Amino acid sequence: MDVHLTTERLVLRRFTPDDVDALVELDSDPEVTRYLTGGRATPRAVVEDTLLPLYFDHYRRYGGELGWWAAEERAGGAFLGWFEFRPPDGDRAEAELGYRLRRAAWGRGYATEGARALIHRGFTRLGVERVVAWTMAVNHGSRRVMEKAGLSYVRTVHEDWPEPIPGSEHGEVEYALTAPGRPRPPR
């Protein structure tokens, strides 16, 4: 099944085994992984043996409509990064939104464009009732994308991380958006 989503400037598609190099390159940029791992790169073996199998498992479980999406420029096909749109606990009523883009794609509206397209698809075709997203409180760029995509701040959570990274002392923030016509959950 060829599941993809096309926007004005993006093509979101399933990952394939041929995407290993692009994922390794993406996660090798310390600025891209700054708020995730403190800038540490993801080893190639983790991409091959853990991440891609996880993505492929989600495609099998959810028919390719929910999971991780490789993001490419519509004009030219350059790999930009990825989007995540999947049920965090297996319940299709809620989808977690995430994104990770190459630095060259930052500030160009790609994250907002892809996020809005996935949210729209979730609400109109997939039965998603609520979209949630998380980031470090200090990740202002990601928070702006969430807000531009229509999500609203819900709460800040402070967790005791085994390997804290700079900024983690300020906590993680949750943003959410409820499908039109659905009651908003209590804050």
N, C-alpha and C. Protein backbone atom coordinates (compact mmCIF):
# COMPACT_ATOMS: atom_id res chain seq x y z
N MET A 1 0.85 -1.18 0.00
CA MET A 1 0.00 0.00 0.00
C MET A 1 0.90 1.24 0.00
N ASP A 2 0.65 2.15 -0.89
CA ASP A 2 1.43 3.39 -0.98
C ASP A 2 0.70 4.48 -0.21
N VAL A 3 1.01 4.61 1.06
CA VAL A 3 0.38 5.62 1.90
C VAL A 3 1.31 6.83 1.95
N HIS A 4 0.78 7.96 1.52
CA HIS A 4 1.54 9.20 1.63
C HIS A 4 0.55 10.35 1.76
N LEU A 5 1.10 11.49 2.10
CA LEU A 5 0.31 12.70 2.27
C LEU A 5 1.08 13.83 1.60
N THR A 6 0.41 14.56 0.73
CA THR A 6 1.06 15.64 0.02
C THR A 6 0.45 16.96 0.45
N THR A 7 1.32 17.92 0.75
CA THR A 7 0.88 19.28 1.06
C THR A 7 1.42 20.19 -0.05
N GLU A 8 1.28 21.48 0.15
CA GLU A 8 1.77 22.42 -0.86
C GLU A 8 3.25 22.23 -1.16
N ARG A 9 4.05 21.99 -0.11
CA ARG A 9 5.50 21.89 -0.31
C ARG A 9 6.13 20.58 0.16
N LEU A 10 5.33 19.69 0.74
CA LEU A 10 5.87 18.47 1.33
C LEU A 10 5.22 17.21 0.78
N VAL A 11 5.99 16.14 0.83
CA VAL A 11 5.46 14.79 0.67
C VAL A 11 5.83 14.05 1.94
N LEU A 12 4.83 13.53 2.63
CA LEU A 12 5.04 12.70 3.80
C LEU A 12 4.74 11.27 3.38
N ARG A 13 5.70 10.38 3.62
CA ARG A 13 5.58 9.00 3.16
C ARG A 13 6.11 8.05 4.23
N ARG A 14 5.83 6.78 4.04
CA ARG A 14 6.38 5.75 4.93
C ARG A 14 7.90 5.69 4.78
N PHE A 15 8.55 5.34 5.86
CA PHE A 15 9.98 5.07 5.79
C PHE A 15 10.21 3.72 5.12
N THR A 16 11.40 3.57 4.54
CA THR A 16 11.84 2.30 3.96
C THR A 16 13.24 2.00 4.50
N PRO A 17 13.74 0.78 4.33
CA PRO A 17 15.10 0.48 4.76
C PRO A 17 16.15 1.38 4.09
N ASP A 18 15.83 1.94 2.94
CA ASP A 18 16.77 2.83 2.24
C ASP A 18 16.95 4.17 2.93
N ASP A 19 16.18 4.46 3.96
CA ASP A 19 16.25 5.75 4.65
C ASP A 19 17.26 5.77 5.81
N VAL A 20 17.98 4.69 6.01
CA VAL A 20 18.92 4.62 7.14
C VAL A 20 19.90 5.78 7.12
N ASP A 21 20.56 6.02 6.00
CA ASP A 21 21.58 7.07 5.94
C ASP A 21 20.99 8.44 6.26
N ALA A 22 19.80 8.72 5.75
CA ALA A 22 19.17 10.03 6.00
C ALA A 22 18.84 10.19 7.49
N LEU A 23 18.37 9.14 8.13
CA LEU A 23 18.06 9.20 9.56
C LEU A 23 19.32 9.35 10.40
N VAL A 24 20.36 8.64 10.04
CA VAL A 24 21.63 8.74 10.78
C VAL A 24 22.17 10.16 10.64
N GLU A 25 22.13 10.70 9.44
CA GLU A 25 22.61 12.08 9.22
C GLU A 25 21.78 13.08 10.04
N LEU A 26 20.47 12.93 10.02
CA LEU A 26 19.59 13.82 10.77
C LEU A 26 19.96 13.82 12.25
N ASP A 27 20.09 12.62 12.82
CA ASP A 27 20.36 12.50 14.25
C ASP A 27 21.83 12.67 14.61
N SER A 28 22.66 13.00 13.64
CA SER A 28 24.07 13.29 13.91
C SER A 28 24.32 14.77 14.13
N ASP A 29 23.33 15.59 13.85
CA ASP A 29 23.47 17.04 14.05
C ASP A 29 23.15 17.36 15.51
N PRO A 30 24.14 17.85 16.27
CA PRO A 30 23.90 18.12 17.69
C PRO A 30 22.82 19.17 17.95
N GLU A 31 22.59 20.07 17.00
CA GLU A 31 21.52 21.05 17.19
C GLU A 31 20.15 20.40 17.02
N VAL A 32 20.04 19.43 16.13
CA VAL A 32 18.77 18.72 15.92
C VAL A 32 18.41 17.90 17.16
N THR A 33 19.41 17.30 17.80
CA THR A 33 19.15 16.42 18.94
C THR A 33 19.35 17.12 20.29
N ARG A 34 19.57 18.42 20.25
CA ARG A 34 19.86 19.19 21.47
C ARG A 34 18.83 18.98 22.58
N TYR A 35 17.55 19.05 22.24
CA TYR A 35 16.49 18.94 23.25
C TYR A 35 16.01 17.51 23.45
N LEU A 36 16.68 16.57 22.82
CA LEU A 36 16.29 15.17 22.92
C LEU A 36 17.33 14.34 23.68
N THR A 37 18.58 14.54 23.29
CA THR A 37 19.66 13.75 23.88
C THR A 37 20.79 14.64 24.40
N GLY A 38 20.58 15.93 24.40
CA GLY A 38 21.65 16.84 24.78
C GLY A 38 22.68 17.00 23.68
N GLY A 39 22.31 16.61 22.46
CA GLY A 39 23.20 16.76 21.31
C GLY A 39 23.94 15.50 20.92
N ARG A 40 23.73 14.41 21.65
CA ARG A 40 24.39 13.15 21.29
C ARG A 40 23.73 12.55 20.05
N ALA A 41 24.55 11.99 19.17
CA ALA A 41 24.06 11.37 17.94
C ALA A 41 23.41 10.02 18.24
N THR A 42 22.49 9.63 17.39
CA THR A 42 21.90 8.29 17.46
C THR A 42 22.78 7.35 16.65
N PRO A 43 23.32 6.30 17.25
CA PRO A 43 24.17 5.38 16.49
C PRO A 43 23.42 4.69 15.35
N ARG A 44 24.14 4.42 14.28
CA ARG A 44 23.56 3.75 13.11
C ARG A 44 22.86 2.45 13.51
N ALA A 45 23.47 1.68 14.40
CA ALA A 45 22.87 0.41 14.81
C ALA A 45 21.51 0.62 15.46
N VAL A 46 21.33 1.70 16.20
CA VAL A 46 20.03 1.99 16.82
C VAL A 46 19.00 2.32 15.73
N VAL A 47 19.41 3.09 14.73
CA VAL A 47 18.49 3.40 13.62
C VAL A 47 18.08 2.12 12.91
N GLU A 48 19.05 1.27 12.61
CA GLU A 48 18.76 0.04 11.85
C GLU A 48 18.01 -1.01 12.67
N ASP A 49 18.41 -1.18 13.94
CA ASP A 49 17.90 -2.30 14.72
C ASP A 49 16.74 -1.96 15.65
N THR A 50 16.54 -0.67 15.92
CA THR A 50 15.49 -0.27 16.85
C THR A 50 14.46 0.66 16.21
N LEU A 51 14.93 1.79 15.65
CA LEU A 51 13.99 2.79 15.16
C LEU A 51 13.21 2.33 13.93
N LEU A 52 13.90 1.93 12.86
CA LEU A 52 13.16 1.50 11.66
C LEU A 52 12.24 0.31 11.95
N PRO A 53 12.67 -0.71 12.69
CA PRO A 53 11.71 -1.78 13.02
C PRO A 53 10.49 -1.28 13.79
N LEU A 54 10.68 -0.29 14.68
CA LEU A 54 9.55 0.31 15.40
C LEU A 54 8.60 0.98 14.41
N TYR A 55 9.14 1.75 13.48
CA TYR A 55 8.31 2.44 12.48
C TYR A 55 7.53 1.40 11.66
N PHE A 56 8.22 0.35 11.19
CA PHE A 56 7.57 -0.66 10.36
C PHE A 56 6.49 -1.40 11.14
N ASP A 57 6.71 -1.64 12.43
CA ASP A 57 5.70 -2.28 13.27
C ASP A 57 4.44 -1.42 13.36
N HIS A 58 4.61 -0.11 13.50
CA HIS A 58 3.44 0.78 13.55
C HIS A 58 2.68 0.76 12.23
N TYR A 59 3.38 0.69 11.10
CA TYR A 59 2.69 0.61 9.81
C TYR A 59 1.82 -0.64 9.76
N ARG A 60 2.36 -1.76 10.23
CA ARG A 60 1.58 -3.02 10.24
C ARG A 60 0.37 -2.91 11.17
N ARG A 61 0.60 -2.34 12.35
CA ARG A 61 -0.48 -2.26 13.35
C ARG A 61 -1.57 -1.27 12.96
N TYR A 62 -1.22 -0.20 12.29
CA TYR A 62 -2.18 0.87 12.04
C TYR A 62 -2.41 1.14 10.55
N GLY A 63 -2.09 0.19 9.70
CA GLY A 63 -2.38 0.32 8.28
C GLY A 63 -1.62 1.43 7.58
N GLY A 64 -0.52 1.85 8.14
CA GLY A 64 0.30 2.88 7.50
C GLY A 64 -0.19 4.29 7.68
N GLU A 65 -1.35 4.47 8.30
CA GLU A 65 -1.93 5.80 8.47
C GLU A 65 -1.44 6.50 9.73
N LEU A 66 -0.96 5.73 10.68
CA LEU A 66 -0.47 6.29 11.94
C LEU A 66 0.94 5.75 12.17
N GLY A 67 1.82 6.63 12.60
CA GLY A 67 3.20 6.22 12.84
C GLY A 67 4.14 7.35 12.49
N TRP A 68 5.27 6.97 11.92
CA TRP A 68 6.30 7.95 11.54
C TRP A 68 6.29 8.15 10.04
N TRP A 69 6.46 9.39 9.62
CA TRP A 69 6.41 9.78 8.22
C TRP A 69 7.73 10.45 7.82
N ALA A 70 8.35 9.96 6.79
CA ALA A 70 9.52 10.63 6.22
C ALA A 70 9.01 11.88 5.51
N ALA A 71 9.67 13.00 5.72
CA ALA A 71 9.26 14.27 5.09
C ALA A 71 10.27 14.65 4.01
N GLU A 72 9.75 14.89 2.83
CA GLU A 72 10.58 15.31 1.69
C GLU A 72 10.01 16.58 1.08
N GLU A 73 10.89 17.36 0.48
CA GLU A 73 10.43 18.52 -0.29
C GLU A 73 9.68 18.00 -1.51
N ARG A 74 8.54 18.57 -1.76
CA ARG A 74 7.75 18.16 -2.93
C ARG A 74 8.50 18.48 -4.22
N ALA A 75 9.16 19.63 -4.26
CA ALA A 75 9.96 20.01 -5.42
C ALA A 75 11.39 19.51 -5.18
N GLY A 76 11.76 18.46 -5.84
CA GLY A 76 13.13 17.98 -5.74
C GLY A 76 13.33 16.74 -4.89
N GLY A 77 12.45 16.48 -3.93
CA GLY A 77 12.52 15.26 -3.15
C GLY A 77 13.58 15.21 -2.06
N ALA A 78 14.16 16.35 -1.68
CA ALA A 78 15.18 16.35 -0.63
C ALA A 78 14.58 15.89 0.70
N PHE A 79 15.32 15.03 1.41
CA PHE A 79 14.88 14.57 2.73
C PHE A 79 15.00 15.72 3.71
N LEU A 80 13.90 16.02 4.42
CA LEU A 80 13.87 17.12 5.39
C LEU A 80 13.88 16.63 6.83
N GLY A 81 13.37 15.42 7.07
CA GLY A 81 13.26 14.91 8.43
C GLY A 81 12.07 14.00 8.54
N TRP A 82 11.40 14.07 9.69
CA TRP A 82 10.24 13.20 9.87
C TRP A 82 9.18 13.85 10.76
N PHE A 83 8.00 13.25 10.68
CA PHE A 83 6.87 13.59 11.54
C PHE A 83 6.39 12.30 12.19
N GLU A 84 5.91 12.45 13.40
CA GLU A 84 5.30 11.34 14.13
C GLU A 84 3.84 11.70 14.36
N PHE A 85 2.97 10.76 14.09
CA PHE A 85 1.54 10.95 14.35
C PHE A 85 1.00 9.56 14.66
N ARG A 86 0.97 9.21 15.96
CA ARG A 86 0.65 7.85 16.34
C ARG A 86 -0.05 7.82 17.69
N PRO A 87 -0.81 6.75 17.95
CA PRO A 87 -1.45 6.61 19.25
C PRO A 87 -0.38 6.28 20.30
N PRO A 88 -0.22 7.12 21.32
CA PRO A 88 0.84 6.85 22.30
C PRO A 88 0.59 5.60 23.14
N ASP A 89 -0.66 5.24 23.32
CA ASP A 89 -0.99 4.07 24.14
C ASP A 89 -1.81 3.03 23.38
N GLY A 90 -1.79 3.10 22.05
CA GLY A 90 -2.54 2.14 21.26
C GLY A 90 -3.99 2.53 21.01
N ASP A 91 -4.49 3.55 21.70
CA ASP A 91 -5.87 4.00 21.53
C ASP A 91 -5.90 5.04 20.40
N ARG A 92 -6.56 4.68 19.30
CA ARG A 92 -6.56 5.54 18.12
C ARG A 92 -7.31 6.87 18.34
N ALA A 93 -7.99 7.02 19.45
CA ALA A 93 -8.71 8.27 19.72
C ALA A 93 -7.74 9.42 19.99
N GLU A 94 -6.52 9.09 20.42
CA GLU A 94 -5.53 10.13 20.70
C GLU A 94 -4.28 9.86 19.87
N ALA A 95 -3.72 10.91 19.30
CA ALA A 95 -2.48 10.79 18.52
C ALA A 95 -1.45 11.75 19.08
N GLU A 96 -0.23 11.25 19.19
CA GLU A 96 0.88 12.10 19.59
C GLU A 96 1.55 12.66 18.34
N LEU A 97 1.74 13.95 18.33
CA LEU A 97 2.39 14.65 17.22
C LEU A 97 3.84 14.93 17.59
N GLY A 98 4.73 14.67 16.68
CA GLY A 98 6.14 14.99 16.87
C GLY A 98 6.77 15.29 15.53
N TYR A 99 7.94 15.89 15.54
CA TYR A 99 8.64 16.23 14.30
C TYR A 99 10.11 16.43 14.60
N ARG A 100 10.92 16.13 13.63
CA ARG A 100 12.35 16.35 13.71
C ARG A 100 12.83 16.67 12.30
N LEU A 101 13.30 17.89 12.12
CA LEU A 101 13.70 18.34 10.78
C LEU A 101 15.17 18.74 10.77
N ARG A 102 15.78 18.57 9.60
CA ARG A 102 17.15 19.03 9.40
C ARG A 102 17.22 20.53 9.64
N ARG A 103 18.37 20.97 10.11
CA ARG A 103 18.53 22.40 10.41
C ARG A 103 18.25 23.28 9.20
N ALA A 104 18.60 22.82 8.01
CA ALA A 104 18.36 23.60 6.79
C ALA A 104 16.87 23.84 6.54
N ALA A 105 16.02 23.04 7.16
CA ALA A 105 14.56 23.18 6.98
C ALA A 105 13.92 24.05 8.06
N TRP A 106 14.68 24.41 9.10
CA TRP A 106 14.12 25.21 10.18
C TRP A 106 13.75 26.61 9.71
N GLY A 107 12.70 27.16 10.30
CA GLY A 107 12.30 28.54 10.03
C GLY A 107 11.64 28.74 8.68
N ARG A 108 11.28 27.68 8.01
CA ARG A 108 10.66 27.79 6.68
C ARG A 108 9.19 27.38 6.68
N GLY A 109 8.66 27.05 7.85
CA GLY A 109 7.24 26.69 7.95
C GLY A 109 6.93 25.24 7.64
N TYR A 110 7.94 24.42 7.38
CA TYR A 110 7.69 23.02 7.06
C TYR A 110 7.08 22.26 8.23
N ALA A 111 7.57 22.49 9.44
CA ALA A 111 7.06 21.77 10.61
C ALA A 111 5.58 22.08 10.82
N THR A 112 5.21 23.35 10.71
CA THR A 112 3.81 23.73 10.87
C THR A 112 2.95 23.14 9.76
N GLU A 113 3.45 23.20 8.53
CA GLU A 113 2.69 22.68 7.38
C GLU A 113 2.44 21.18 7.53
N GLY A 114 3.46 20.42 7.88
CA GLY A 114 3.29 18.99 8.06
C GLY A 114 2.41 18.65 9.24
N ALA A 115 2.59 19.37 10.35
CA ALA A 115 1.77 19.13 11.54
C ALA A 115 0.30 19.39 11.25
N ARG A 116 0.01 20.50 10.60
CA ARG A 116 -1.40 20.82 10.28
C ARG A 116 -2.01 19.76 9.37
N ALA A 117 -1.25 19.28 8.39
CA ALA A 117 -1.77 18.27 7.47
C ALA A 117 -2.08 16.96 8.20
N LEU A 118 -1.20 16.55 9.11
CA LEU A 118 -1.45 15.33 9.86
C LEU A 118 -2.62 15.47 10.82
N ILE A 119 -2.73 16.61 11.48
CA ILE A 119 -3.86 16.86 12.37
C ILE A 119 -5.17 16.82 11.58
N HIS A 120 -5.19 17.48 10.45
CA HIS A 120 -6.40 17.49 9.62
C HIS A 120 -6.78 16.06 9.21
N ARG A 121 -5.80 15.31 8.75
CA ARG A 121 -6.06 13.93 8.34
C ARG A 121 -6.56 13.11 9.54
N GLY A 122 -5.95 13.31 10.69
CA GLY A 122 -6.37 12.56 11.88
C GLY A 122 -7.81 12.84 12.26
N PHE A 123 -8.18 14.12 12.23
CA PHE A 123 -9.54 14.50 12.62
C PHE A 123 -10.58 14.12 11.57
N THR A 124 -10.23 14.20 10.28
CA THR A 124 -11.23 14.00 9.23
C THR A 124 -11.29 12.58 8.69
N ARG A 125 -10.19 11.81 8.80
CA ARG A 125 -10.18 10.48 8.19
C ARG A 125 -9.90 9.34 9.16
N LEU A 126 -9.26 9.64 10.27
CA LEU A 126 -8.76 8.54 11.10
C LEU A 126 -9.47 8.39 12.43
N GLY A 127 -10.43 9.24 12.73
CA GLY A 127 -11.16 9.12 13.98
C GLY A 127 -10.41 9.62 15.21
N VAL A 128 -9.34 10.36 14.99
CA VAL A 128 -8.60 10.92 16.12
C VAL A 128 -9.46 11.99 16.77
N GLU A 129 -9.55 11.96 18.09
CA GLU A 129 -10.35 12.94 18.83
C GLU A 129 -9.50 14.00 19.51
N ARG A 130 -8.23 13.65 19.77
CA ARG A 130 -7.35 14.57 20.48
C ARG A 130 -5.92 14.35 20.01
N VAL A 131 -5.20 15.45 19.81
CA VAL A 131 -3.79 15.41 19.44
C VAL A 131 -3.00 16.01 20.59
N VAL A 132 -1.92 15.33 20.98
CA VAL A 132 -1.04 15.83 22.03
C VAL A 132 0.37 15.93 21.49
N ALA A 133 1.15 16.83 22.08
CA ALA A 133 2.55 16.99 21.71
C ALA A 133 3.32 17.40 22.95
N TRP A 134 4.58 16.98 23.03
CA TRP A 134 5.43 17.26 24.18
C TRP A 134 6.76 17.82 23.69
N THR A 135 7.34 18.70 24.47
CA THR A 135 8.70 19.16 24.23
C THR A 135 9.25 19.71 25.54
N MET A 136 10.54 19.94 25.56
CA MET A 136 11.13 20.59 26.72
C MET A 136 10.60 22.01 26.80
N ALA A 137 10.36 22.49 28.01
CA ALA A 137 9.83 23.84 28.20
C ALA A 137 10.70 24.90 27.52
N VAL A 138 12.01 24.66 27.47
CA VAL A 138 12.92 25.65 26.90
C VAL A 138 13.04 25.57 25.38
N ASN A 139 12.36 24.62 24.75
CA ASN A 139 12.41 24.48 23.29
C ASN A 139 11.35 25.40 22.66
N HIS A 140 11.68 26.67 22.60
CA HIS A 140 10.72 27.68 22.13
C HIS A 140 10.33 27.50 20.67
N GLY A 141 11.25 27.02 19.83
CA GLY A 141 10.93 26.80 18.42
C GLY A 141 9.85 25.74 18.26
N SER A 142 9.99 24.64 18.96
CA SER A 142 8.99 23.58 18.88
C SER A 142 7.66 24.02 19.47
N ARG A 143 7.71 24.77 20.53
CA ARG A 143 6.47 25.28 21.13
C ARG A 143 5.73 26.20 20.15
N ARG A 144 6.47 27.03 19.41
CA ARG A 144 5.84 27.90 18.41
C ARG A 144 5.16 27.07 17.32
N VAL A 145 5.80 25.99 16.89
CA VAL A 145 5.19 25.13 15.88
C VAL A 145 3.88 24.56 16.41
N MET A 146 3.90 24.07 17.64
CA MET A 146 2.68 23.50 18.23
C MET A 146 1.55 24.53 18.25
N GLU A 147 1.88 25.75 18.65
CA GLU A 147 0.86 26.80 18.70
C GLU A 147 0.36 27.16 17.30
N LYS A 148 1.26 27.27 16.34
CA LYS A 148 0.85 27.58 14.96
C LYS A 148 0.01 26.47 14.35
N ALA A 149 0.23 25.25 14.82
CA ALA A 149 -0.55 24.11 14.33
C ALA A 149 -1.91 24.00 15.02
N GLY A 150 -2.17 24.89 16.00
CA GLY A 150 -3.47 24.93 16.65
C GLY A 150 -3.53 24.32 18.03
N LEU A 151 -2.42 23.77 18.52
CA LEU A 151 -2.41 23.18 19.85
C LEU A 151 -2.26 24.27 20.91
N SER A 152 -2.75 23.99 22.10
CA SER A 152 -2.67 24.92 23.22
C SER A 152 -1.93 24.28 24.38
N TYR A 153 -1.25 25.12 25.13
CA TYR A 153 -0.53 24.67 26.31
C TYR A 153 -1.50 24.04 27.30
N VAL A 154 -1.11 22.88 27.86
CA VAL A 154 -1.92 22.19 28.85
C VAL A 154 -1.24 22.23 30.22
N ARG A 155 0.03 21.82 30.28
CA ARG A 155 0.70 21.74 31.58
C ARG A 155 2.21 21.57 31.40
N THR A 156 2.91 21.79 32.51
CA THR A 156 4.34 21.51 32.59
C THR A 156 4.54 20.37 33.57
N VAL A 157 5.37 19.42 33.20
CA VAL A 157 5.65 18.25 34.03
C VAL A 157 7.14 18.21 34.31
N HIS A 158 7.48 17.96 35.55
CA HIS A 158 8.88 17.81 35.94
C HIS A 158 9.13 16.35 36.28
N GLU A 159 10.05 15.74 35.55
CA GLU A 159 10.38 14.34 35.78
C GLU A 159 11.82 14.23 36.24
N ASP A 160 12.13 13.14 36.89
CA ASP A 160 13.48 12.88 37.34
C ASP A 160 14.16 12.00 36.29
N TRP A 161 14.87 12.63 35.35
CA TRP A 161 15.52 11.92 34.25
C TRP A 161 16.81 11.28 34.73
N PRO A 162 17.09 10.04 34.30
CA PRO A 162 18.33 9.39 34.72
C PRO A 162 19.58 10.12 34.19
N GLU A 163 19.47 10.71 33.01
CA GLU A 163 20.57 11.48 32.42
C GLU A 163 20.02 12.84 31.98
N PRO A 164 19.87 13.77 32.93
CA PRO A 164 19.31 15.07 32.56
C PRO A 164 20.21 15.80 31.56
N ILE A 165 19.58 16.58 30.69
CA ILE A 165 20.30 17.39 29.71
C ILE A 165 20.04 18.85 30.02
N PRO A 166 20.89 19.75 29.54
CA PRO A 166 20.68 21.17 29.83
C PRO A 166 19.27 21.63 29.45
N GLY A 167 18.60 22.26 30.38
CA GLY A 167 17.24 22.75 30.17
C GLY A 167 16.17 21.84 30.75
N SER A 168 16.53 20.57 31.02
CA SER A 168 15.51 19.63 31.52
C SER A 168 15.00 20.02 32.91
N GLU A 169 15.77 20.83 33.63
CA GLU A 169 15.32 21.26 34.96
C GLU A 169 14.07 22.15 34.88
N HIS A 170 13.76 22.67 33.69
CA HIS A 170 12.58 23.51 33.50
C HIS A 170 11.33 22.70 33.15
N GLY A 171 11.51 21.40 32.93
CA GLY A 171 10.39 20.50 32.70
C GLY A 171 10.03 20.32 31.23
N GLU A 172 9.05 19.47 31.05
CA GLU A 172 8.46 19.19 29.74
C GLU A 172 7.08 19.82 29.70
N VAL A 173 6.71 20.34 28.53
CA VAL A 173 5.38 20.93 28.39
C VAL A 173 4.52 20.05 27.48
N GLU A 174 3.26 19.98 27.84
CA GLU A 174 2.28 19.27 27.02
C GLU A 174 1.40 20.30 26.34
N TYR A 175 1.16 20.09 25.06
CA TYR A 175 0.21 20.87 24.28
C TYR A 175 -0.83 19.90 23.73
N ALA A 176 -2.04 20.38 23.47
CA ALA A 176 -3.08 19.50 22.96
C ALA A 176 -4.09 20.27 22.12
N LEU A 177 -4.79 19.52 21.31
CA LEU A 177 -5.87 20.05 20.48
C LEU A 177 -6.94 18.98 20.40
N THR A 178 -8.17 19.36 20.69
CA THR A 178 -9.31 18.45 20.62
C THR A 178 -10.02 18.68 19.29
N ALA A 179 -10.49 17.61 18.69
CA ALA A 179 -11.19 17.69 17.41
C ALA A 179 -12.38 18.63 17.52
N PRO A 180 -12.67 19.38 16.46
CA PRO A 180 -13.85 20.25 16.49
C PRO A 180 -15.10 19.44 16.81
N GLY A 181 -15.94 20.02 17.66
CA GLY A 181 -17.18 19.35 18.05
C GLY A 181 -17.04 18.41 19.22
N ARG A 182 -15.82 18.23 19.70
CA ARG A 182 -15.58 17.35 20.85
C ARG A 182 -15.38 18.24 22.08
N PRO A 183 -15.85 17.80 23.23
CA PRO A 183 -15.60 18.59 24.44
C PRO A 183 -14.11 18.60 24.79
N ARG A 184 -13.65 19.75 25.26
CA ARG A 184 -12.25 19.85 25.68
C ARG A 184 -12.07 19.11 27.01
N PRO A 185 -10.97 18.35 27.13
CA PRO A 185 -10.73 17.69 28.41
C PRO A 185 -10.36 18.71 29.48
N PRO A 186 -10.60 18.40 30.76
CA PRO A 186 -10.23 19.34 31.82
C PRO A 186 -8.73 19.52 31.88
N ARG A 187 -8.30 20.72 32.28
CA ARG A 187 -6.86 20.99 32.39
C ARG A 187 -6.39 20.72 33.79
